[in-house]
Amino acid sequence: MNLSKQIQSYRKAHGLSQEDLATRIYVSRQTISNWETGHSYPDVENLLLLSVLFDVSLDELVKGDVTIMKRKIMQTRMDQYTKIMLLFMVLGLISVGPSLFLPDYWWLVMPVVLWSSGLFFAFKLEKIKHEEDIQNYQEIIAFMADKNLDVIRAKRKWAKDRLHKTLIVTIFIMISGLIVFFSALPYLMTH
Protein backbone atom coordinates (compact mmCIF):
# COMPACT_ATOMS: atom_id res chain seq x y z
CA MET A 1 0.00 0.00 0.00
CA ASN A 2 1.04 3.60 -0.46
CA LEU A 3 0.84 4.54 3.21
CA SER A 4 4.14 2.83 3.99
CA LYS A 5 5.88 5.05 1.44
CA GLN A 6 3.99 8.13 2.66
CA ILE A 7 5.04 7.61 6.30
CA GLN A 8 8.67 7.08 5.32
CA SER A 9 8.64 10.10 2.99
CA TYR A 10 7.05 12.47 5.52
CA ARG A 11 9.29 11.17 8.32
CA LYS A 12 12.41 11.86 6.27
CA ALA A 13 11.09 15.24 5.09
CA HIS A 14 10.68 16.25 8.74
CA GLY A 15 14.20 15.01 9.55
CA LEU A 16 12.99 12.33 11.95
CA SER A 17 14.48 8.92 12.53
CA GLN A 18 12.19 5.97 13.14
CA GLU A 19 13.08 6.22 16.83
CA ASP A 20 12.19 9.94 16.92
CA LEU A 21 8.84 9.36 15.23
CA ALA A 22 8.08 6.44 17.53
CA THR A 23 8.76 8.60 20.59
CA ARG A 24 6.52 11.42 19.36
CA ILE A 25 3.47 9.22 18.72
CA TYR A 26 4.09 6.79 21.64
CA VAL A 27 4.77 3.57 19.73
CA SER A 28 7.87 1.41 19.38
CA ARG A 29 10.51 1.88 16.70
CA GLN A 30 9.63 -1.61 15.46
CA THR A 31 6.04 -0.47 14.92
CA ILE A 32 7.25 2.39 12.73
CA SER A 33 9.47 -0.03 10.83
CA ASN A 34 6.51 -2.39 10.31
CA TRP A 35 4.39 0.48 8.99
CA GLU A 36 7.12 1.62 6.62
CA THR A 37 7.72 -1.90 5.28
CA GLY A 38 4.00 -2.56 4.93
CA HIS A 39 3.95 -5.42 7.45
CA SER A 40 1.28 -3.70 9.50
CA TYR A 41 -1.08 -0.76 9.19
CA PRO A 42 -1.58 1.99 11.76
CA ASP A 43 -4.95 2.22 13.50
CA VAL A 44 -7.14 5.30 13.16
CA GLU A 45 -5.75 6.95 16.28
CA ASN A 46 -2.16 6.63 15.03
CA LEU A 47 -3.16 7.82 11.56
CA LEU A 48 -4.63 10.96 13.14
CA LEU A 49 -1.46 11.50 15.20
CA LEU A 50 0.68 11.08 12.07
CA SER A 51 -1.45 13.51 10.08
CA VAL A 52 -1.19 16.15 12.85
CA LEU A 53 2.55 15.59 13.28
CA PHE A 54 3.25 15.78 9.54
CA ASP A 55 0.73 18.63 9.13
CA VAL A 56 -1.14 16.90 6.29
CA SER A 57 -4.74 15.89 5.91
CA LEU A 58 -5.71 12.31 6.60
CA ASP A 59 -6.78 12.02 2.96
CA GLU A 60 -3.36 13.10 1.79
CA LEU A 61 -1.63 10.71 4.18
CA VAL A 62 -3.56 7.63 3.05
CA LYS A 63 -3.62 8.75 -0.60
CA GLY A 64 -4.37 5.74 -2.82
CA ASP A 65 -4.88 3.35 0.07
CA VAL A 66 -8.61 4.05 0.34
CA THR A 67 -9.16 2.72 -3.18
CA ILE A 68 -7.10 -0.39 -2.40
CA MET A 69 -9.06 -0.93 0.83
CA LYS A 70 -12.39 -0.63 -0.98
CA ARG A 71 -11.21 -3.21 -3.52
CA LYS A 72 -10.17 -5.59 -0.74
CA ILE A 73 -13.53 -5.17 1.02
CA MET A 74 -15.39 -5.74 -2.25
CA GLN A 75 -13.27 -8.82 -3.03
CA THR A 76 -13.94 -10.19 0.45
CA ARG A 77 -17.70 -9.68 -0.02
CA MET A 78 -17.54 -11.37 -3.42
CA ASP A 79 -15.59 -14.32 -1.98
CA GLN A 80 -18.13 -14.74 0.84
CA TYR A 81 -21.11 -14.59 -1.54
CA THR A 82 -19.44 -17.06 -3.90
CA LYS A 83 -18.86 -19.58 -1.11
CA ILE A 84 -22.41 -19.20 0.21
CA MET A 85 -23.87 -19.46 -3.31
CA LEU A 86 -21.92 -22.65 -4.07
CA LEU A 87 -22.84 -24.16 -0.69
CA PHE A 88 -26.57 -23.63 -1.24
CA MET A 89 -26.45 -24.87 -4.81
CA VAL A 90 -24.53 -28.03 -3.90
CA LEU A 91 -26.86 -28.67 -0.95
CA GLY A 92 -29.82 -28.16 -3.29
CA LEU A 93 -28.43 -30.73 -5.69
CA ILE A 94 -27.60 -33.24 -2.95
CA SER A 95 -31.04 -32.82 -1.37
CA VAL A 96 -32.82 -34.10 -4.49
CA GLY A 97 -32.14 -37.75 -3.64
CA PRO A 98 -33.32 -37.76 -0.01
CA SER A 99 -36.25 -35.53 -0.94
CA LEU A 100 -37.55 -38.13 -3.40
CA PHE A 101 -38.70 -40.22 -0.43
CA LEU A 102 -41.17 -37.49 0.56
CA PRO A 103 -44.82 -37.87 -0.51
CA ASP A 104 -46.43 -36.13 -3.50
CA TYR A 105 -44.70 -32.96 -4.63
CA TRP A 106 -43.10 -32.25 -1.27
CA TRP A 107 -39.87 -33.65 -2.66
CA LEU A 108 -39.49 -30.40 -4.62
CA VAL A 109 -39.60 -28.07 -1.61
CA MET A 110 -36.15 -28.59 -0.11
CA PRO A 111 -34.14 -28.60 -3.39
CA VAL A 112 -36.04 -25.56 -4.72
CA VAL A 113 -35.55 -23.58 -1.49
CA LEU A 114 -31.84 -24.39 -1.34
CA TRP A 115 -31.28 -23.77 -5.05
CA SER A 116 -33.22 -20.48 -4.85
CA SER A 117 -31.06 -19.38 -1.92
CA GLY A 118 -27.99 -20.09 -4.04
CA LEU A 119 -29.46 -18.05 -6.89
CA PHE A 120 -30.15 -15.18 -4.49
CA PHE A 121 -26.43 -14.98 -3.68
CA ALA A 122 -25.57 -15.36 -7.38
CA PHE A 123 -27.70 -12.27 -8.08
CA LYS A 124 -25.96 -10.43 -5.20
CA LEU A 125 -22.62 -11.27 -6.85
CA GLU A 126 -23.82 -9.95 -10.20
CA LYS A 127 -25.06 -6.78 -8.49
CA ILE A 128 -21.62 -6.20 -6.96
CA LYS A 129 -19.98 -6.80 -10.34
CA HIS A 130 -22.34 -4.29 -11.92
CA GLU A 131 -21.94 -1.68 -9.16
CA GLU A 132 -18.17 -1.94 -9.18
CA ASP A 133 -17.93 -2.07 -12.99
CA ILE A 134 -15.90 -5.28 -12.74
CA GLN A 135 -16.59 -6.14 -16.37
CA ASN A 136 -15.50 -2.69 -17.51
CA TYR A 137 -12.31 -2.88 -15.47
CA GLN A 138 -11.53 -6.33 -16.93
CA GLU A 139 -12.14 -5.07 -20.44
CA ILE A 140 -9.99 -1.98 -19.90
CA ILE A 141 -7.15 -4.04 -18.43
CA ALA A 142 -7.40 -6.54 -21.29
CA PHE A 143 -7.44 -3.70 -23.80
CA MET A 144 -4.42 -2.01 -22.24
CA ALA A 145 -2.51 -5.29 -22.21
CA ASP A 146 -3.41 -6.03 -25.83
CA LYS A 147 -3.48 -2.49 -27.21
CA ASN A 148 -0.94 -3.30 -29.91
CA LEU A 149 -2.85 -6.31 -31.23
CA ASP A 150 -4.86 -6.06 -34.38
CA VAL A 151 -8.64 -6.45 -34.53
CA ILE A 152 -8.51 -10.10 -35.62
CA ARG A 153 -6.45 -11.15 -32.60
CA ALA A 154 -8.77 -9.18 -30.30
CA LYS A 155 -11.80 -10.97 -31.77
CA ARG A 156 -10.07 -14.34 -31.36
CA LYS A 157 -9.36 -13.52 -27.73
CA TRP A 158 -13.01 -12.61 -27.18
CA ALA A 159 -14.11 -15.87 -28.83
CA LYS A 160 -11.64 -17.83 -26.71
CA ASP A 161 -12.93 -16.19 -23.51
CA ARG A 162 -16.51 -16.94 -24.56
CA LEU A 163 -15.59 -20.59 -25.24
CA HIS A 164 -13.88 -20.77 -21.85
CA LYS A 165 -16.99 -19.47 -20.06
CA THR A 166 -19.22 -21.87 -22.02
CA LEU A 167 -16.96 -24.77 -21.08
CA ILE A 168 -17.13 -23.82 -17.38
CA VAL A 169 -20.94 -23.68 -17.47
CA THR A 170 -21.12 -27.02 -19.32
CA ILE A 171 -18.83 -28.71 -16.80
CA PHE A 172 -20.87 -27.21 -13.93
CA ILE A 173 -24.09 -28.61 -15.43
CA MET A 174 -22.52 -32.03 -15.92
CA ILE A 175 -21.20 -32.15 -12.35
CA SER A 176 -24.59 -30.96 -11.08
CA GLY A 177 -26.29 -33.76 -13.00
CA LEU A 178 -23.91 -36.33 -11.51
CA ILE A 179 -24.51 -35.03 -7.98
CA VAL A 180 -28.30 -35.25 -8.49
CA PHE A 181 -28.00 -38.74 -9.99
CA PHE A 182 -25.89 -40.09 -7.14
CA SER A 183 -28.06 -38.43 -4.49
CA ALA A 184 -31.17 -39.97 -6.13
CA LEU A 185 -29.57 -43.41 -6.60
CA PRO A 186 -30.93 -44.84 -3.31
CA TYR A 187 -34.46 -43.83 -4.36
CA LEU A 188 -34.01 -45.25 -7.84
CA MET A 189 -32.73 -48.56 -6.45
CA THR A 190 -35.75 -48.99 -4.13
CA HIS A 191 -38.36 -48.13 -6.78
C-alpha atoms as a PDB file:
ATOM      1  CA  MET A   1       0.000   0.000   0.000  1.00  0.00           C
ATOM      2  CA  ASN A   2       1.039   3.601  -0.458  1.00  0.00           C
ATOM      3  CA  LEU A   3       0.839   4.543   3.213  1.00  0.00           C
ATOM      4  CA  SER A   4       4.144   2.829   3.994  1.00  0.00           C
ATOM      5  CA  LYS A   5       5.881   5.051   1.435  1.00  0.00           C
ATOM      6  CA  GLN A   6       3.988   8.127   2.656  1.00  0.00           C
ATOM      7  CA  ILE A   7       5.044   7.613   6.296  1.00  0.00           C
ATOM      8  CA  GLN A   8       8.669   7.082   5.322  1.00  0.00           C
ATOM      9  CA  SER A   9       8.635  10.095   2.986  1.00  0.00           C
ATOM     10  CA  TYR A  10       7.053  12.467   5.525  1.00  0.00           C
ATOM     11  CA  ARG A  11       9.289  11.170   8.324  1.00  0.00           C
ATOM     12  CA  LYS A  12      12.414  11.859   6.273  1.00  0.00           C
ATOM     13  CA  ALA A  13      11.089  15.243   5.091  1.00  0.00           C
ATOM     14  CA  HIS A  14      10.683  16.252   8.745  1.00  0.00           C
ATOM     15  CA  GLY A  15      14.201  15.008   9.551  1.00  0.00           C
ATOM     16  CA  LEU A  16      12.991  12.327  11.949  1.00  0.00           C
ATOM     17  CA  SER A  17      14.482   8.920  12.533  1.00  0.00           C
ATOM     18  CA  GLN A  18      12.192   5.970  13.139  1.00  0.00           C
ATOM     19  CA  GLU A  19      13.080   6.216  16.830  1.00  0.00           C
ATOM     20  CA  ASP A  20      12.187   9.943  16.918  1.00  0.00           C
ATOM     21  CA  LEU A  21       8.840   9.356  15.228  1.00  0.00           C
ATOM     22  CA  ALA A  22       8.076   6.439  17.529  1.00  0.00           C
ATOM     23  CA  THR A  23       8.762   8.598  20.586  1.00  0.00           C
ATOM     24  CA  ARG A  24       6.525  11.418  19.355  1.00  0.00           C
ATOM     25  CA  ILE A  25       3.466   9.223  18.724  1.00  0.00           C
ATOM     26  CA  TYR A  26       4.095   6.790  21.637  1.00  0.00           C
ATOM     27  CA  VAL A  27       4.767   3.572  19.731  1.00  0.00           C
ATOM     28  CA  SER A  28       7.868   1.406  19.377  1.00  0.00           C
ATOM     29  CA  ARG A  29      10.512   1.883  16.700  1.00  0.00           C
ATOM     30  CA  GLN A  30       9.635  -1.613  15.460  1.00  0.00           C
ATOM     31  CA  THR A  31       6.037  -0.470  14.924  1.00  0.00           C
ATOM     32  CA  ILE A  32       7.250   2.388  12.730  1.00  0.00           C
ATOM     33  CA  SER A  33       9.469  -0.030  10.831  1.00  0.00           C
ATOM     34  CA  ASN A  34       6.509  -2.389  10.308  1.00  0.00           C
ATOM     35  CA  TRP A  35       4.391   0.480   8.994  1.00  0.00           C
ATOM     36  CA  GLU A  36       7.115   1.617   6.619  1.00  0.00           C
ATOM     37  CA  THR A  37       7.716  -1.896   5.278  1.00  0.00           C
ATOM     38  CA  GLY A  38       4.000  -2.565   4.926  1.00  0.00           C
ATOM     39  CA  HIS A  39       3.949  -5.424   7.447  1.00  0.00           C
ATOM     40  CA  SER A  40       1.284  -3.705   9.502  1.00  0.00           C
ATOM     41  CA  TYR A  41      -1.077  -0.761   9.187  1.00  0.00           C
ATOM     42  CA  PRO A  42      -1.585   1.993  11.763  1.00  0.00           C
ATOM     43  CA  ASP A  43      -4.946   2.219  13.495  1.00  0.00           C
ATOM     44  CA  VAL A  44      -7.138   5.304  13.159  1.00  0.00           C
ATOM     45  CA  GLU A  45      -5.745   6.954  16.279  1.00  0.00           C
ATOM     46  CA  ASN A  46      -2.163   6.627  15.031  1.00  0.00           C
ATOM     47  CA  LEU A  47      -3.165   7.823  11.559  1.00  0.00           C
ATOM     48  CA  LEU A  48      -4.626  10.958  13.144  1.00  0.00           C
ATOM     49  CA  LEU A  49      -1.464  11.501  15.203  1.00  0.00           C
ATOM     50  CA  LEU A  50       0.680  11.079  12.073  1.00  0.00           C
ATOM     51  CA  SER A  51      -1.452  13.513  10.079  1.00  0.00           C
ATOM     52  CA  VAL A  52      -1.194  16.149  12.846  1.00  0.00           C
ATOM     53  CA  LEU A  53       2.546  15.592  13.281  1.00  0.00           C
ATOM     54  CA  PHE A  54       3.245  15.778   9.542  1.00  0.00           C
ATOM     55  CA  ASP A  55       0.734  18.631   9.127  1.00  0.00           C
ATOM     56  CA  VAL A  56      -1.135  16.904   6.292  1.00  0.00           C
ATOM     57  CA  SER A  57      -4.743  15.891   5.913  1.00  0.00           C
ATOM     58  CA  LEU A  58      -5.712  12.309   6.605  1.00  0.00           C
ATOM     59  CA  ASP A  59      -6.781  12.015   2.958  1.00  0.00           C
ATOM     60  CA  GLU A  60      -3.356  13.102   1.787  1.00  0.00           C
ATOM     61  CA  LEU A  61      -1.626  10.708   4.183  1.00  0.00           C
ATOM     62  CA  VAL A  62      -3.560   7.635   3.045  1.00  0.00           C
ATOM     63  CA  LYS A  63      -3.617   8.747  -0.601  1.00  0.00           C
ATOM     64  CA  GLY A  64      -4.367   5.745  -2.819  1.00  0.00           C
ATOM     65  CA  ASP A  65      -4.880   3.347   0.071  1.00  0.00           C
ATOM     66  CA  VAL A  66      -8.613   4.048   0.339  1.00  0.00           C
ATOM     67  CA  THR A  67      -9.157   2.717  -3.179  1.00  0.00           C
ATOM     68  CA  ILE A  68      -7.103  -0.388  -2.404  1.00  0.00           C
ATOM     69  CA  MET A  69      -9.057  -0.930   0.834  1.00  0.00           C
ATOM     70  CA  LYS A  70     -12.386  -0.627  -0.983  1.00  0.00           C
ATOM     71  CA  ARG A  71     -11.213  -3.212  -3.520  1.00  0.00           C
ATOM     72  CA  LYS A  72     -10.168  -5.587  -0.739  1.00  0.00           C
ATOM     73  CA  ILE A  73     -13.525  -5.175   1.019  1.00  0.00           C
ATOM     74  CA  MET A  74     -15.387  -5.741  -2.254  1.00  0.00           C
ATOM     75  CA  GLN A  75     -13.270  -8.819  -3.028  1.00  0.00           C
ATOM     76  CA  THR A  76     -13.939 -10.190   0.454  1.00  0.00           C
ATOM     77  CA  ARG A  77     -17.701  -9.684  -0.021  1.00  0.00           C
ATOM     78  CA  MET A  78     -17.542 -11.372  -3.419  1.00  0.00           C
ATOM     79  CA  ASP A  79     -15.589 -14.320  -1.978  1.00  0.00           C
ATOM     80  CA  GLN A  80     -18.126 -14.737   0.836  1.00  0.00           C
ATOM     81  CA  TYR A  81     -21.107 -14.586  -1.537  1.00  0.00           C
ATOM     82  CA  THR A  82     -19.441 -17.058  -3.898  1.00  0.00           C
ATOM     83  CA  LYS A  83     -18.859 -19.584  -1.109  1.00  0.00           C
ATOM     84  CA  ILE A  84     -22.407 -19.198   0.212  1.00  0.00           C
ATOM     85  CA  MET A  85     -23.869 -19.465  -3.312  1.00  0.00           C
ATOM     86  CA  LEU A  86     -21.922 -22.651  -4.068  1.00  0.00           C
ATOM     87  CA  LEU A  87     -22.837 -24.158  -0.692  1.00  0.00           C
ATOM     88  CA  PHE A  88     -26.573 -23.627  -1.236  1.00  0.00           C
ATOM     89  CA  MET A  89     -26.449 -24.870  -4.814  1.00  0.00           C
ATOM     90  CA  VAL A  90     -24.532 -28.034  -3.902  1.00  0.00           C
ATOM     91  CA  LEU A  91     -26.860 -28.667  -0.950  1.00  0.00           C
ATOM     92  CA  GLY A  92     -29.822 -28.156  -3.293  1.00  0.00           C
ATOM     93  CA  LEU A  93     -28.427 -30.728  -5.690  1.00  0.00           C
ATOM     94  CA  ILE A  94     -27.604 -33.239  -2.951  1.00  0.00           C
ATOM     95  CA  SER A  95     -31.042 -32.817  -1.366  1.00  0.00           C
ATOM     96  CA  VAL A  96     -32.818 -34.103  -4.492  1.00  0.00           C
ATOM     97  CA  GLY A  97     -32.143 -37.751  -3.641  1.00  0.00           C
ATOM     98  CA  PRO A  98     -33.316 -37.761  -0.015  1.00  0.00           C
ATOM     99  CA  SER A  99     -36.255 -35.534  -0.943  1.00  0.00           C
ATOM    100  CA  LEU A 100     -37.554 -38.127  -3.397  1.00  0.00           C
ATOM    101  CA  PHE A 101     -38.698 -40.216  -0.433  1.00  0.00           C
ATOM    102  CA  LEU A 102     -41.174 -37.495   0.556  1.00  0.00           C
ATOM    103  CA  PRO A 103     -44.824 -37.873  -0.507  1.00  0.00           C
ATOM    104  CA  ASP A 104     -46.430 -36.132  -3.500  1.00  0.00           C
ATOM    105  CA  TYR A 105     -44.705 -32.962  -4.635  1.00  0.00           C
ATOM    106  CA  TRP A 106     -43.097 -32.254  -1.267  1.00  0.00           C
ATOM    107  CA  TRP A 107     -39.866 -33.648  -2.656  1.00  0.00           C
ATOM    108  CA  LEU A 108     -39.494 -30.400  -4.622  1.00  0.00           C
ATOM    109  CA  VAL A 109     -39.598 -28.066  -1.612  1.00  0.00           C
ATOM    110  CA  MET A 110     -36.148 -28.588  -0.111  1.00  0.00           C
ATOM    111  CA  PRO A 111     -34.144 -28.598  -3.394  1.00  0.00           C
ATOM    112  CA  VAL A 112     -36.039 -25.557  -4.722  1.00  0.00           C
ATOM    113  CA  VAL A 113     -35.553 -23.579  -1.490  1.00  0.00           C
ATOM    114  CA  LEU A 114     -31.837 -24.393  -1.336  1.00  0.00           C
ATOM    115  CA  TRP A 115     -31.280 -23.765  -5.053  1.00  0.00           C
ATOM    116  CA  SER A 116     -33.221 -20.483  -4.845  1.00  0.00           C
ATOM    117  CA  SER A 117     -31.057 -19.380  -1.923  1.00  0.00           C
ATOM    118  CA  GLY A 118     -27.989 -20.090  -4.044  1.00  0.00           C
ATOM    119  CA  LEU A 119     -29.465 -18.048  -6.887  1.00  0.00           C
ATOM    120  CA  PHE A 120     -30.148 -15.180  -4.493  1.00  0.00           C
ATOM    121  CA  PHE A 121     -26.433 -14.984  -3.681  1.00  0.00           C
ATOM    122  CA  ALA A 122     -25.571 -15.356  -7.381  1.00  0.00           C
ATOM    123  CA  PHE A 123     -27.699 -12.273  -8.079  1.00  0.00           C
ATOM    124  CA  LYS A 124     -25.964 -10.428  -5.204  1.00  0.00           C
ATOM    125  CA  LEU A 125     -22.624 -11.267  -6.851  1.00  0.00           C
ATOM    126  CA  GLU A 126     -23.822  -9.948 -10.196  1.00  0.00           C
ATOM    127  CA  LYS A 127     -25.061  -6.782  -8.489  1.00  0.00           C
ATOM    128  CA  ILE A 128     -21.623  -6.204  -6.960  1.00  0.00           C
ATOM    129  CA  LYS A 129     -19.983  -6.800 -10.337  1.00  0.00           C
ATOM    130  CA  HIS A 130     -22.344  -4.288 -11.921  1.00  0.00           C
ATOM    131  CA  GLU A 131     -21.943  -1.682  -9.159  1.00  0.00           C
ATOM    132  CA  GLU A 132     -18.169  -1.937  -9.177  1.00  0.00           C
ATOM    133  CA  ASP A 133     -17.929  -2.066 -12.986  1.00  0.00           C
ATOM    134  CA  ILE A 134     -15.896  -5.277 -12.738  1.00  0.00           C
ATOM    135  CA  GLN A 135     -16.594  -6.143 -16.368  1.00  0.00           C
ATOM    136  CA  ASN A 136     -15.505  -2.687 -17.508  1.00  0.00           C
ATOM    137  CA  TYR A 137     -12.307  -2.885 -15.474  1.00  0.00           C
ATOM    138  CA  GLN A 138     -11.530  -6.326 -16.926  1.00  0.00           C
ATOM    139  CA  GLU A 139     -12.139  -5.070 -20.439  1.00  0.00           C
ATOM    140  CA  ILE A 140      -9.987  -1.981 -19.902  1.00  0.00           C
ATOM    141  CA  ILE A 141      -7.146  -4.038 -18.433  1.00  0.00           C
ATOM    142  CA  ALA A 142      -7.397  -6.544 -21.290  1.00  0.00           C
ATOM    143  CA  PHE A 143      -7.439  -3.701 -23.804  1.00  0.00           C
ATOM    144  CA  MET A 144      -4.423  -2.011 -22.237  1.00  0.00           C
ATOM    145  CA  ALA A 145      -2.512  -5.292 -22.207  1.00  0.00           C
ATOM    146  CA  ASP A 146      -3.407  -6.031 -25.829  1.00  0.00           C
ATOM    147  CA  LYS A 147      -3.479  -2.491 -27.210  1.00  0.00           C
ATOM    148  CA  ASN A 148      -0.940  -3.300 -29.908  1.00  0.00           C
ATOM    149  CA  LEU A 149      -2.849  -6.312 -31.230  1.00  0.00           C
ATOM    150  CA  ASP A 150      -4.864  -6.059 -34.381  1.00  0.00           C
ATOM    151  CA  VAL A 151      -8.636  -6.449 -34.532  1.00  0.00           C
ATOM    152  CA  ILE A 152      -8.506 -10.095 -35.616  1.00  0.00           C
ATOM    153  CA  ARG A 153      -6.451 -11.154 -32.597  1.00  0.00           C
ATOM    154  CA  ALA A 154      -8.772  -9.179 -30.297  1.00  0.00           C
ATOM    155  CA  LYS A 155     -11.801 -10.974 -31.773  1.00  0.00           C
ATOM    156  CA  ARG A 156     -10.074 -14.343 -31.359  1.00  0.00           C
ATOM    157  CA  LYS A 157      -9.363 -13.523 -27.727  1.00  0.00           C
ATOM    158  CA  TRP A 158     -13.012 -12.608 -27.177  1.00  0.00           C
ATOM    159  CA  ALA A 159     -14.112 -15.866 -28.833  1.00  0.00           C
ATOM    160  CA  LYS A 160     -11.635 -17.835 -26.706  1.00  0.00           C
ATOM    161  CA  ASP A 161     -12.928 -16.185 -23.510  1.00  0.00           C
ATOM    162  CA  ARG A 162     -16.506 -16.936 -24.564  1.00  0.00           C
ATOM    163  CA  LEU A 163     -15.594 -20.585 -25.244  1.00  0.00           C
ATOM    164  CA  HIS A 164     -13.877 -20.765 -21.853  1.00  0.00           C
ATOM    165  CA  LYS A 165     -16.987 -19.474 -20.057  1.00  0.00           C
ATOM    166  CA  THR A 166     -19.219 -21.870 -22.016  1.00  0.00           C
ATOM    167  CA  LEU A 167     -16.961 -24.765 -21.077  1.00  0.00           C
ATOM    168  CA  ILE A 168     -17.126 -23.819 -17.382  1.00  0.00           C
ATOM    169  CA  VAL A 169     -20.942 -23.680 -17.474  1.00  0.00           C
ATOM    170  CA  THR A 170     -21.122 -27.020 -19.325  1.00  0.00           C
ATOM    171  CA  ILE A 171     -18.832 -28.706 -16.796  1.00  0.00           C
ATOM    172  CA  PHE A 172     -20.869 -27.210 -13.927  1.00  0.00           C
ATOM    173  CA  ILE A 173     -24.086 -28.606 -15.428  1.00  0.00           C
ATOM    174  CA  MET A 174     -22.519 -32.034 -15.923  1.00  0.00           C
ATOM    175  CA  ILE A 175     -21.203 -32.153 -12.355  1.00  0.00           C
ATOM    176  CA  SER A 176     -24.589 -30.963 -11.080  1.00  0.00           C
ATOM    177  CA  GLY A 177     -26.291 -33.763 -12.995  1.00  0.00           C
ATOM    178  CA  LEU A 178     -23.912 -36.330 -11.512  1.00  0.00           C
ATOM    179  CA  ILE A 179     -24.513 -35.034  -7.985  1.00  0.00           C
ATOM    180  CA  VAL A 180     -28.297 -35.249  -8.488  1.00  0.00           C
ATOM    181  CA  PHE A 181     -28.001 -38.735  -9.995  1.00  0.00           C
ATOM    182  CA  PHE A 182     -25.889 -40.087  -7.136  1.00  0.00           C
ATOM    183  CA  SER A 183     -28.064 -38.429  -4.493  1.00  0.00           C
ATOM    184  CA  ALA A 184     -31.172 -39.969  -6.132  1.00  0.00           C
ATOM    185  CA  LEU A 185     -29.567 -43.410  -6.596  1.00  0.00           C
ATOM    186  CA  PRO A 186     -30.927 -44.845  -3.309  1.00  0.00           C
ATOM    187  CA  TYR A 187     -34.459 -43.828  -4.358  1.00  0.00           C
ATOM    188  CA  LEU A 188     -34.010 -45.246  -7.838  1.00  0.00           C
ATOM    189  CA  MET A 189     -32.732 -48.561  -6.446  1.00  0.00           C
ATOM    190  CA  THR A 190     -35.752 -48.991  -4.129  1.00  0.00           C
ATOM    191  CA  HIS A 191     -38.361 -48.129  -6.778  1.00  0.00           C
END
